[in-house]
C-alpha atoms as a PDB file:
ATOM      1  CA  MET A   1       8.617  27.373   7.055  1.00  0.00           C
ATOM      2  CA  PHE A   2       5.679  28.843   8.953  1.00  0.00           C
ATOM      3  CA  LEU A   3       6.047  32.124   7.055  1.00  0.00           C
ATOM      4  CA  MET A   4       6.200  30.276   3.711  1.00  0.00           C
ATOM      5  CA  ILE A   5       2.881  28.605   4.536  1.00  0.00           C
ATOM      6  CA  ALA A   6       1.245  31.661   6.110  1.00  0.00           C
ATOM      7  CA  LEU A   7       2.032  34.126   3.286  1.00  0.00           C
ATOM      8  CA  PRO A   8      -0.159  32.542   0.557  1.00  0.00           C
ATOM      9  CA  GLY A   9      -2.806  31.824   3.191  1.00  0.00           C
ATOM     10  CA  ILE A  10      -2.946  35.507   4.159  1.00  0.00           C
ATOM     11  CA  LEU A  11      -3.120  36.595   0.509  1.00  0.00           C
ATOM     12  CA  ILE A  12      -6.026  34.221  -0.120  1.00  0.00           C
ATOM     13  CA  ALA A  13      -7.781  35.444   3.046  1.00  0.00           C
ATOM     14  CA  LEU A  14      -7.560  39.006   1.728  1.00  0.00           C
ATOM     15  CA  GLN A  15      -9.400  38.016  -1.503  1.00  0.00           C
ATOM     16  CA  PRO A  16     -11.498  37.510   0.683  1.00  0.00           C
ATOM     17  CA  ASP A  17     -11.738  33.711   0.720  1.00  0.00           C
ATOM     18  CA  PRO A  18     -11.369  32.592   4.352  1.00  0.00           C
ATOM     19  CA  GLY A  19     -12.755  29.172   3.453  1.00  0.00           C
ATOM     20  CA  SER A  20      -9.839  28.238   1.202  1.00  0.00           C
ATOM     21  CA  THR A  21      -7.457  29.718   3.768  1.00  0.00           C
ATOM     22  CA  LEU A  22      -8.512  27.033   6.236  1.00  0.00           C
ATOM     23  CA  VAL A  23      -6.899  24.430   3.977  1.00  0.00           C
ATOM     24  CA  TYR A  24      -3.516  25.872   4.916  1.00  0.00           C
ATOM     25  CA  LEU A  25      -4.154  24.821   8.512  1.00  0.00           C
ATOM     26  CA  ALA A  26      -3.432  21.301   7.285  1.00  0.00           C
ATOM     27  CA  PHE A  27       0.279  22.030   7.264  1.00  0.00           C
ATOM     28  CA  ILE A  28       0.297  22.606  11.021  1.00  0.00           C
ATOM     29  CA  PHE A  29       0.215  18.798  11.383  1.00  0.00           C
ATOM     30  CA  VAL A  30       3.219  18.481   9.060  1.00  0.00           C
ATOM     31  CA  LEU A  31       5.179  21.045  11.066  1.00  0.00           C
ATOM     32  CA  TYR A  32       4.265  19.227  14.283  1.00  0.00           C
ATOM     33  CA  ARG A  33       5.573  15.933  12.875  1.00  0.00           C
ATOM     34  CA  GLU A  34       8.821  17.606  11.890  1.00  0.00           C
ATOM     35  CA  GLY A  35       9.478  18.964  15.380  1.00  0.00           C
ATOM     36  CA  MET A  36       7.255  21.973  16.011  1.00  0.00           C
ATOM     37  CA  SER A  37       6.295  22.347  19.666  1.00  0.00           C
ATOM     38  CA  GLY A  38       2.831  21.124  20.539  1.00  0.00           C
ATOM     39  CA  ASN A  39       2.413  24.282  22.620  1.00  0.00           C
ATOM     40  CA  ILE A  40       1.904  26.242  19.386  1.00  0.00           C
ATOM     41  CA  MET A  41      -1.049  24.013  18.501  1.00  0.00           C
ATOM     42  CA  ILE A  42      -2.490  24.572  21.974  1.00  0.00           C
ATOM     43  CA  VAL A  43      -2.090  28.350  21.590  1.00  0.00           C
ATOM     44  CA  GLY A  44      -3.859  28.183  18.222  1.00  0.00           C
ATOM     45  CA  LEU A  45      -6.732  26.168  19.696  1.00  0.00           C
ATOM     46  CA  VAL A  46      -7.091  28.658  22.563  1.00  0.00           C
ATOM     47  CA  MET A  47      -7.172  31.548  20.066  1.00  0.00           C
ATOM     48  CA  VAL A  48      -9.958  29.867  18.074  1.00  0.00           C
ATOM     49  CA  MET A  49     -11.962  29.273  21.262  1.00  0.00           C
ATOM     50  CA  LEU A  50     -11.437  32.889  22.336  1.00  0.00           C
ATOM     51  CA  PHE A  51     -12.568  34.084  18.912  1.00  0.00           C
ATOM     52  CA  ILE A  52     -15.846  32.191  19.286  1.00  0.00           C
ATOM     53  CA  VAL A  53     -16.375  33.307  22.904  1.00  0.00           C
ATOM     54  CA  THR A  54     -15.747  36.911  21.851  1.00  0.00           C
ATOM     55  CA  LEU A  55     -18.488  36.636  19.222  1.00  0.00           C
ATOM     56  CA  PHE A  56     -20.940  35.827  22.007  1.00  0.00           C
ATOM     57  CA  ALA A  57     -19.474  38.481  24.325  1.00  0.00           C
ATOM     58  CA  LYS A  58     -19.997  41.164  21.654  1.00  0.00           C
ATOM     59  CA  GLN A  59     -23.714  40.500  21.752  1.00  0.00           C
ATOM     60  CA  THR A  60     -23.980  41.285  25.462  1.00  0.00           C
ATOM     61  CA  SER A  61     -23.260  44.234  27.742  1.00  0.00           C
ATOM     62  CA  VAL A  62     -22.783  44.452  31.496  1.00  0.00           C
ATOM     63  CA  MET A  63     -23.894  47.300  33.767  1.00  0.00           C
ATOM     64  CA  MET A  64     -21.174  48.099  36.281  1.00  0.00           C
ATOM     65  CA  PRO A  65     -22.380  48.230  39.912  1.00  0.00           C
ATOM     66  CA  PHE A  66     -22.294  51.558  41.801  1.00  0.00           C
ATOM     67  CA  VAL A  67     -21.467  53.482  38.608  1.00  0.00           C
ATOM     68  CA  ASP A  68     -23.655  54.325  35.651  1.00  0.00           C
ATOM     69  CA  ILE A  69     -21.374  52.670  33.080  1.00  0.00           C
ATOM     70  CA  GLU A  70     -22.302  49.937  30.625  1.00  0.00           C
ATOM     71  CA  LEU A  71     -19.388  47.818  29.382  1.00  0.00           C
ATOM     72  CA  ASN A  72     -19.266  45.817  26.187  1.00  0.00           C
ATOM     73  CA  GLY A  73     -19.032  42.105  26.884  1.00  0.00           C
ATOM     74  CA  LYS A  74     -15.606  41.760  25.281  1.00  0.00           C
ATOM     75  CA  TYR A  75     -14.075  44.160  27.835  1.00  0.00           C
ATOM     76  CA  VAL A  76     -15.580  42.078  30.615  1.00  0.00           C
ATOM     77  CA  LEU A  77     -13.976  39.043  28.949  1.00  0.00           C
ATOM     78  CA  ILE A  78     -10.573  40.789  28.948  1.00  0.00           C
ATOM     79  CA  SER A  79     -10.989  41.601  32.647  1.00  0.00           C
ATOM     80  CA  PHE A  80     -11.793  37.946  33.292  1.00  0.00           C
ATOM     81  CA  LEU A  81      -8.647  36.866  31.401  1.00  0.00           C
ATOM     82  CA  ALA A  82      -6.592  39.315  33.464  1.00  0.00           C
ATOM     83  CA  LEU A  83      -7.953  37.802  36.693  1.00  0.00           C
ATOM     84  CA  ILE A  84      -7.122  34.283  35.503  1.00  0.00           C
ATOM     85  CA  THR A  85      -3.602  35.355  34.504  1.00  0.00           C
ATOM     86  CA  GLY A  86      -3.042  36.991  37.889  1.00  0.00           C
ATOM     87  CA  ALA A  87      -4.341  33.933  39.731  1.00  0.00           C
ATOM     88  CA  LEU A  88      -2.040  31.641  37.761  1.00  0.00           C
ATOM     89  CA  TYR A  89       0.925  33.884  38.574  1.00  0.00           C
ATOM     90  CA  LEU A  90       0.190  33.713  42.314  1.00  0.00           C
ATOM     91  CA  LEU A  91      -0.082  29.930  42.131  1.00  0.00           C
ATOM     92  CA  LEU A  92       3.020  29.295  40.015  1.00  0.00           C
ATOM     93  CA  LYS A  93       5.473  32.061  40.978  1.00  0.00           C
ATOM     94  CA  ASN A  94       7.151  29.883  43.607  1.00  0.00           C
ATOM     95  CA  LEU A  95       7.688  27.068  41.114  1.00  0.00           C
ATOM     96  CA  ASN A  96       9.248  29.176  38.367  1.00  0.00           C
ATOM     97  CA  LYS A  97      10.578  32.694  38.823  1.00  0.00           C
ATOM     98  CA  ASN A  98      10.248  33.447  35.104  1.00  0.00           C
ATOM     99  CA  ILE A  99       6.653  32.276  34.836  1.00  0.00           C
ATOM    100  CA  TRP A 100       5.517  35.906  34.649  1.00  0.00           C
ATOM    101  CA  LYS A 101       7.096  36.221  31.196  1.00  0.00           C
ATOM    102  CA  ILE A 102       5.122  33.261  29.853  1.00  0.00           C
ATOM    103  CA  LEU A 103       1.884  34.449  31.448  1.00  0.00           C
ATOM    104  CA  LEU A 104       2.388  38.005  30.190  1.00  0.00           C
ATOM    105  CA  ALA A 105       3.013  36.771  26.637  1.00  0.00           C
ATOM    106  CA  GLY A 106      -0.065  34.574  26.855  1.00  0.00           C
ATOM    107  CA  PHE A 107      -2.191  37.451  28.150  1.00  0.00           C
ATOM    108  CA  VAL A 108      -1.026  39.752  25.340  1.00  0.00           C
ATOM    109  CA  ILE A 109      -1.862  37.076  22.726  1.00  0.00           C
ATOM    110  CA  MET A 110      -5.313  36.510  24.234  1.00  0.00           C
ATOM    111  CA  VAL A 111      -6.101  40.234  24.422  1.00  0.00           C
ATOM    112  CA  GLY A 112      -4.874  40.680  20.845  1.00  0.00           C
ATOM    113  CA  THR A 113      -7.170  37.868  19.721  1.00  0.00           C
ATOM    114  CA  VAL A 114     -10.182  39.391  21.486  1.00  0.00           C
ATOM    115  CA  MET A 115      -9.535  42.875  20.128  1.00  0.00           C
ATOM    116  CA  SER A 116      -8.930  41.597  16.578  1.00  0.00           C
ATOM    117  CA  VAL A 117     -12.366  39.981  16.255  1.00  0.00           C
ATOM    118  CA  ASP A 118     -14.055  43.235  15.208  1.00  0.00           C
ATOM    119  CA  TYR A 119     -11.425  43.949  12.542  1.00  0.00           C
ATOM    120  CA  VAL A 120     -11.482  40.412  11.137  1.00  0.00           C
ATOM    121  CA  PHE A 121     -15.277  40.279  11.128  1.00  0.00           C
ATOM    122  CA  ASP A 122     -15.814  43.738   9.634  1.00  0.00           C
ATOM    123  CA  ASN A 123     -12.903  44.008   7.180  1.00  0.00           C
ATOM    124  CA  ILE A 124     -11.871  40.497   6.136  1.00  0.00           C
ATOM    125  CA  PHE A 125     -15.173  38.626   6.281  1.00  0.00           C
ATOM    126  CA  LYS A 126     -17.961  39.449   3.861  1.00  0.00           C
ATOM    127  CA  ASP A 127     -21.602  39.505   4.964  1.00  0.00           C
ATOM    128  CA  ARG A 128     -22.085  35.897   3.872  1.00  0.00           C
ATOM    129  CA  HIS A 129     -19.056  34.792   5.894  1.00  0.00           C
ATOM    130  CA  ARG A 130     -20.239  36.635   9.001  1.00  0.00           C
ATOM    131  CA  ASN A 131     -23.724  35.192   8.698  1.00  0.00           C
ATOM    132  CA  ARG A 132     -22.442  31.647   8.251  1.00  0.00           C
ATOM    133  CA  VAL A 133     -20.220  31.846  11.328  1.00  0.00           C
ATOM    134  CA  ASN A 134     -23.008  33.404  13.393  1.00  0.00           C
ATOM    135  CA  GLU A 135     -25.373  30.699  12.167  1.00  0.00           C
ATOM    136  CA  LEU A 136     -22.898  27.966  13.102  1.00  0.00           C
ATOM    137  CA  VAL A 137     -22.302  29.130  16.693  1.00  0.00           C
ATOM    138  CA  GLY A 138     -25.985  29.863  17.249  1.00  0.00           C
ATOM    139  CA  ILE A 139     -25.907  33.662  17.462  1.00  0.00           C
ATOM    140  CA  ILE A 140     -28.517  33.819  14.689  1.00  0.00           C
ATOM    141  CA  SER A 141     -30.919  31.235  13.291  1.00  0.00           C
ATOM    142  CA  ASP A 142     -32.044  31.644   9.697  1.00  0.00           C
ATOM    143  CA  PRO A 143     -33.054  28.231   8.266  1.00  0.00           C
ATOM    144  CA  ARG A 144     -34.753  29.894   5.277  1.00  0.00           C
ATOM    145  CA  GLY A 145     -31.861  32.195   4.454  1.00  0.00           C
ATOM    146  CA  THR A 146     -28.205  31.875   5.476  1.00  0.00           C
ATOM    147  CA  GLY A 147     -28.678  28.491   7.103  1.00  0.00           C
ATOM    148  CA  TYR A 148     -30.878  26.993   4.379  1.00  0.00           C
ATOM    149  CA  ASN A 149     -28.243  24.734   2.808  1.00  0.00           C
ATOM    150  CA  GLN A 150     -27.039  23.344   6.103  1.00  0.00           C
ATOM    151  CA  HIS A 151     -30.563  22.971   7.472  1.00  0.00           C
ATOM    152  CA  GLN A 152     -31.724  20.978   4.445  1.00  0.00           C
ATOM    153  CA  SER A 153     -28.539  18.912   4.512  1.00  0.00           C
ATOM    154  CA  LYS A 154     -29.150  17.852   8.114  1.00  0.00           C
ATOM    155  CA  ILE A 155     -32.741  16.940   7.248  1.00  0.00           C
ATOM    156  CA  ALA A 156     -31.506  14.789   4.362  1.00  0.00           C
ATOM    157  CA  ILE A 157     -28.880  12.981   6.450  1.00  0.00           C
ATOM    158  CA  GLY A 158     -31.266  12.464   9.350  1.00  0.00           C
ATOM    159  CA  SER A 159     -34.027  11.115   7.119  1.00  0.00           C
ATOM    160  CA  GLY A 160     -31.696   8.406   5.855  1.00  0.00           C
ATOM    161  CA  GLY A 161     -31.972   6.545   9.139  1.00  0.00           C
ATOM    162  CA  PHE A 162     -29.862   3.464   9.726  1.00  0.00           C
ATOM    163  CA  SER A 163     -29.737   1.905   6.257  1.00  0.00           C
ATOM    164  CA  GLY A 164     -30.931   4.756   3.995  1.00  0.00           C
ATOM    165  CA  LYS A 165     -33.698   5.072   1.429  1.00  0.00           C
ATOM    166  CA  GLY A 166     -31.843   3.347  -1.378  1.00  0.00           C
ATOM    167  CA  PHE A 167     -29.921   4.505  -4.450  1.00  0.00           C
ATOM    168  CA  LEU A 168     -31.578   7.538  -6.109  1.00  0.00           C
ATOM    169  CA  ASN A 169     -34.554   7.269  -3.740  1.00  0.00           C
ATOM    170  CA  GLY A 170     -33.688  10.185  -1.477  1.00  0.00           C
ATOM    171  CA  THR A 171     -36.518  12.733  -1.500  1.00  0.00           C
ATOM    172  CA  GLN A 172     -34.485  15.681  -0.208  1.00  0.00           C
ATOM    173  CA  THR A 173     -31.775  15.217  -2.819  1.00  0.00           C
ATOM    174  CA  LYS A 174     -33.936  13.849  -5.646  1.00  0.00           C
ATOM    175  CA  TYR A 175     -36.198  16.894  -5.567  1.00  0.00           C
ATOM    176  CA  ASN A 176     -33.298  19.344  -5.130  1.00  0.00           C
ATOM    177  CA  PHE A 177     -34.165  20.607  -1.660  1.00  0.00           C
ATOM    178  CA  VAL A 178     -30.413  20.577  -0.954  1.00  0.00           C
ATOM    179  CA  PRO A 179     -28.447  23.004  -3.177  1.00  0.00           C
ATOM    180  CA  GLU A 180     -25.008  21.942  -4.462  1.00  0.00           C
ATOM    181  CA  GLN A 181     -25.749  18.321  -3.537  1.00  0.00           C
ATOM    182  CA  SER A 182     -23.383  16.978  -6.190  1.00  0.00           C
ATOM    183  CA  THR A 183     -20.439  19.137  -5.115  1.00  0.00           C
ATOM    184  CA  ASP A 184     -20.025  20.700  -1.660  1.00  0.00           C
ATOM    185  CA  PHE A 185     -22.974  18.849  -0.087  1.00  0.00           C
ATOM    186  CA  ILE A 186     -22.370  15.457  -1.676  1.00  0.00           C
ATOM    187  CA  PHE A 187     -22.168  13.784   1.738  1.00  0.00           C
ATOM    188  CA  CYS A 188     -25.841  14.505   2.471  1.00  0.00           C
ATOM    189  CA  THR A 189     -26.696  12.437  -0.608  1.00  0.00           C
ATOM    190  CA  VAL A 190     -24.709   9.548   0.850  1.00  0.00           C
ATOM    191  CA  GLY A 191     -26.413  10.000   4.213  1.00  0.00           C
ATOM    192  CA  GLU A 192     -29.938  10.034   2.797  1.00  0.00           C
ATOM    193  CA  GLU A 193     -29.555   7.212   0.276  1.00  0.00           C
ATOM    194  CA  TRP A 194     -27.307   4.901   2.302  1.00  0.00           C
ATOM    195  CA  GLY A 195     -28.029   6.001   5.869  1.00  0.00           C
ATOM    196  CA  PHE A 196     -25.805   5.563   8.899  1.00  0.00           C
ATOM    197  CA  MET A 197     -24.211   2.418   7.496  1.00  0.00           C
ATOM    198  CA  GLY A 198     -23.208   4.031   4.198  1.00  0.00           C
ATOM    199  CA  SER A 199     -21.983   7.218   5.890  1.00  0.00           C
ATOM    200  CA  SER A 200     -19.912   5.205   8.354  1.00  0.00           C
ATOM    201  CA  PHE A 201     -18.423   3.191   5.506  1.00  0.00           C
ATOM    202  CA  VAL A 202     -17.355   6.378   3.670  1.00  0.00           C
ATOM    203  CA  ILE A 203     -15.797   7.784   6.849  1.00  0.00           C
ATOM    204  CA  ILE A 204     -13.950   4.523   7.574  1.00  0.00           C
ATOM    205  CA  VAL A 205     -12.597   4.408   4.003  1.00  0.00           C
ATOM    206  CA  PHE A 206     -11.301   7.976   4.268  1.00  0.00           C
ATOM    207  CA  LEU A 207      -9.705   7.366   7.662  1.00  0.00           C
ATOM    208  CA  THR A 208      -8.115   4.167   6.341  1.00  0.00           C
ATOM    209  CA  LEU A 209      -6.672   6.054   3.353  1.00  0.00           C
ATOM    210  CA  ILE A 210      -5.293   8.814   5.573  1.00  0.00           C
ATOM    211  CA  GLY A 211      -3.881   6.294   8.036  1.00  0.00           C
ATOM    212  CA  ARG A 212      -2.234   4.378   5.185  1.00  0.00           C
ATOM    213  CA  LEU A 213      -0.675   7.590   3.847  1.00  0.00           C
ATOM    214  CA  ILE A 214       0.828   8.330   7.269  1.00  0.00           C
ATOM    215  CA  PHE A 215       2.119   4.752   7.562  1.00  0.00           C
ATOM    216  CA  VAL A 216       3.756   4.918   4.127  1.00  0.00           C
ATOM    217  CA  ALA A 217       5.164   8.389   4.880  1.00  0.00           C
ATOM    218  CA  GLU A 218       6.885   7.040   8.003  1.00  0.00           C
ATOM    219  CA  ARG A 219       8.741   4.352   6.053  1.00  0.00           C
ATOM    220  CA  GLN A 220      10.310   6.819   3.614  1.00  0.00           C
ATOM    221  CA  ARG A 221      14.075   7.182   3.654  1.00  0.00           C
ATOM    222  CA  SER A 222      13.916  10.635   2.108  1.00  0.00           C
ATOM    223  CA  LYS A 223      12.881  13.468   4.410  1.00  0.00           C
ATOM    224  CA  TYR A 224      11.323  15.224   1.423  1.00  0.00           C
ATOM    225  CA  ALA A 225       9.130  12.207   0.636  1.00  0.00           C
ATOM    226  CA  ARG A 226       8.068  11.909   4.271  1.00  0.00           C
ATOM    227  CA  ILE A 227       7.084  15.575   4.464  1.00  0.00           C
ATOM    228  CA  TYR A 228       5.237  15.316   1.152  1.00  0.00           C
ATOM    229  CA  GLY A 229       3.360  12.244   2.366  1.00  0.00           C
ATOM    230  CA  TYR A 230       2.284  13.961   5.560  1.00  0.00           C
ATOM    231  CA  SER A 231       1.223  17.003   3.532  1.00  0.00           C
ATOM    232  CA  VAL A 232      -1.027  14.878   1.299  1.00  0.00           C
ATOM    233  CA  ALA A 233      -2.543  13.132   4.321  1.00  0.00           C
ATOM    234  CA  SER A 234      -3.127  16.455   6.099  1.00  0.00           C
ATOM    235  CA  ILE A 235      -4.733  18.119   3.061  1.00  0.00           C
ATOM    236  CA  LEU A 236      -7.091  15.183   2.563  1.00  0.00           C
ATOM    237  CA  PHE A 237      -7.921  15.130   6.278  1.00  0.00           C
ATOM    238  CA  VAL A 238      -8.790  18.838   6.452  1.00  0.00           C
ATOM    239  CA  HIS A 239     -10.979  18.626   3.327  1.00  0.00           C
ATOM    240  CA  PHE A 240     -12.666  15.496   4.640  1.00  0.00           C
ATOM    241  CA  MET A 241     -13.205  16.902   8.130  1.00  0.00           C
ATOM    242  CA  ILE A 242     -14.508  20.329   7.076  1.00  0.00           C
ATOM    243  CA  ASN A 243     -16.722  19.067   4.244  1.00  0.00           C
ATOM    244  CA  ILE A 244     -18.485  16.453   6.363  1.00  0.00           C
ATOM    245  CA  GLY A 245     -18.542  18.848   9.309  1.00  0.00           C
ATOM    246  CA  MET A 246     -20.373  21.533   7.345  1.00  0.00           C
ATOM    247  CA  THR A 247     -23.005  19.062   6.074  1.00  0.00           C
ATOM    248  CA  ILE A 248     -23.909  18.048   9.641  1.00  0.00           C
ATOM    249  CA  GLY A 249     -23.656  21.508  11.197  1.00  0.00           C
ATOM    250  CA  LEU A 250     -20.260  21.219  12.922  1.00  0.00           C
ATOM    251  CA  ALA A 251     -18.354  23.553  10.580  1.00  0.00           C
ATOM    252  CA  PRO A 252     -19.256  26.717   8.646  1.00  0.00           C
ATOM    253  CA  VAL A 253     -20.303  26.393   5.006  1.00  0.00           C
ATOM    254  CA  ILE A 254     -17.163  27.363   3.113  1.00  0.00           C
ATOM    255  CA  GLY A 255     -17.367  25.474  -0.172  1.00  0.00           C
ATOM    256  CA  ILE A 256     -14.656  22.851   0.295  1.00  0.00           C
ATOM    257  CA  PRO A 257     -15.130  19.679  -1.811  1.00  0.00           C
ATOM    258  CA  LEU A 258     -15.094  16.139  -0.479  1.00  0.00           C
ATOM    259  CA  PRO A 259     -12.019  14.505  -2.082  1.00  0.00           C
ATOM    260  CA  PHE A 260     -12.798  11.963  -4.843  1.00  0.00           C
ATOM    261  CA  PHE A 261     -16.549  12.375  -4.213  1.00  0.00           C
ATOM    262  CA  SER A 262     -17.549  15.910  -5.113  1.00  0.00           C
ATOM    263  CA  TYR A 263     -18.364  16.547  -8.772  1.00  0.00           C
ATOM    264  CA  GLY A 264     -15.688  18.572 -10.560  1.00  0.00           C
ATOM    265  CA  GLY A 265     -12.810  17.667 -12.833  1.00  0.00           C
ATOM    266  CA  THR A 266     -10.327  20.139 -11.332  1.00  0.00           C
ATOM    267  CA  SER A 267     -10.855  18.805  -7.827  1.00  0.00           C
ATOM    268  CA  LEU A 268     -10.512  15.168  -8.920  1.00  0.00           C
ATOM    269  CA  LEU A 269      -7.406  15.932 -10.992  1.00  0.00           C
ATOM    270  CA  SER A 270      -5.732  17.911  -8.206  1.00  0.00           C
ATOM    271  CA  PHE A 271      -6.264  15.253  -5.527  1.00  0.00           C
ATOM    272  CA  SER A 272      -5.205  12.519  -7.951  1.00  0.00           C
ATOM    273  CA  ILE A 273      -1.957  14.343  -8.758  1.00  0.00           C
ATOM    274  CA  LEU A 274      -1.245  14.763  -5.036  1.00  0.00           C
ATOM    275  CA  LEU A 275      -1.891  11.106  -4.319  1.00  0.00           C
ATOM    276  CA  PHE A 276      -0.107   9.521  -7.273  1.00  0.00           C
ATOM    277  CA  THR A 277       2.939  11.765  -6.947  1.00  0.00           C
ATOM    278  CA  PHE A 278       3.370  10.301  -3.475  1.00  0.00           C
ATOM    279  CA  VAL A 279       2.860   6.783  -4.854  1.00  0.00           C
ATOM    280  CA  LYS A 280       5.707   7.475  -7.283  1.00  0.00           C
ATOM    281  CA  LEU A 281       7.942   8.802  -4.496  1.00  0.00           C
ATOM    282  CA  ASP A 282       7.223   5.693  -2.453  1.00  0.00           C
ATOM    283  CA  SER A 283       8.079   3.419  -5.374  1.00  0.00           C
ATOM    284  CA  ASP A 284      11.571   4.936  -5.477  1.00  0.00           C
ATOM    285  CA  ARG A 285      12.228   4.853  -1.728  1.00  0.00           C
ATOM    286  CA  LYS A 286      14.595   1.851  -1.950  1.00  0.00           C
ATOM    287  CA  HIS A 287      16.876   3.809  -4.245  1.00  0.00           C
ATOM    288  CA  VAL A 288      17.348   6.529  -1.630  1.00  0.00           C
ATOM    289  CA  LEU A 289      20.330   6.159   0.680  1.00  0.00           C
ATOM    290  CA  SER A 290      19.273   6.326   4.313  1.00  0.00           C
END
């Protein structure tokens, strides 16, 4: 199942379109519900954190004492990981004789992640992708260039205050300071015109919808319907989380719409088909033998 999900994701990443590839991460929650070990999710989270740390390490170099050698920061990071792995082995070897196998596998995965950053950044990401990631983690700051959209979006949301400026009264959005404000950056319009209260209401509505989908998925008698329900909830959650995250500077700008809000007929039709197909499956659940 993991390979079935990963294959189209890899093909889309090679377009290159790493933004759309992130949507496939939604299915990790479905796999977890159906029995996948939580350790895999932890490994994935560690790999993401290592990827970000490596980006910072690449920007620095360390002069080795007593020898006239300057090491790239990522090699220092690998040495640090090796020390941690060795320390864990010394602490845990008496508790589990086979712990060295787990630690060795973990070390190989971590080193592979660190060493793959250059390839991913230089061969899979385009310049705009690299700049957006660097802007997000703070390696570069370009509010008039790469970070313009996100910078203006944060200004718009912040200027909304507690209750907002009122419908169609937002200056940042009314005078088009925020590009794509009707599609990818629709949430900044909500934040400026309706403020903290309106933004909170939108977030609560989305979380209620996702929670309801999970509740209905759990009452299905058909395993297929349950998996489908969790898939719909996960897809909506990832779109919701990334879209709002990128408007407030917590996620890179990758052009993912906000479900049922962003302008665009294809997006609205696609999410509606996902949702109402599940409604139909739920309506037939009593006819399925448990």
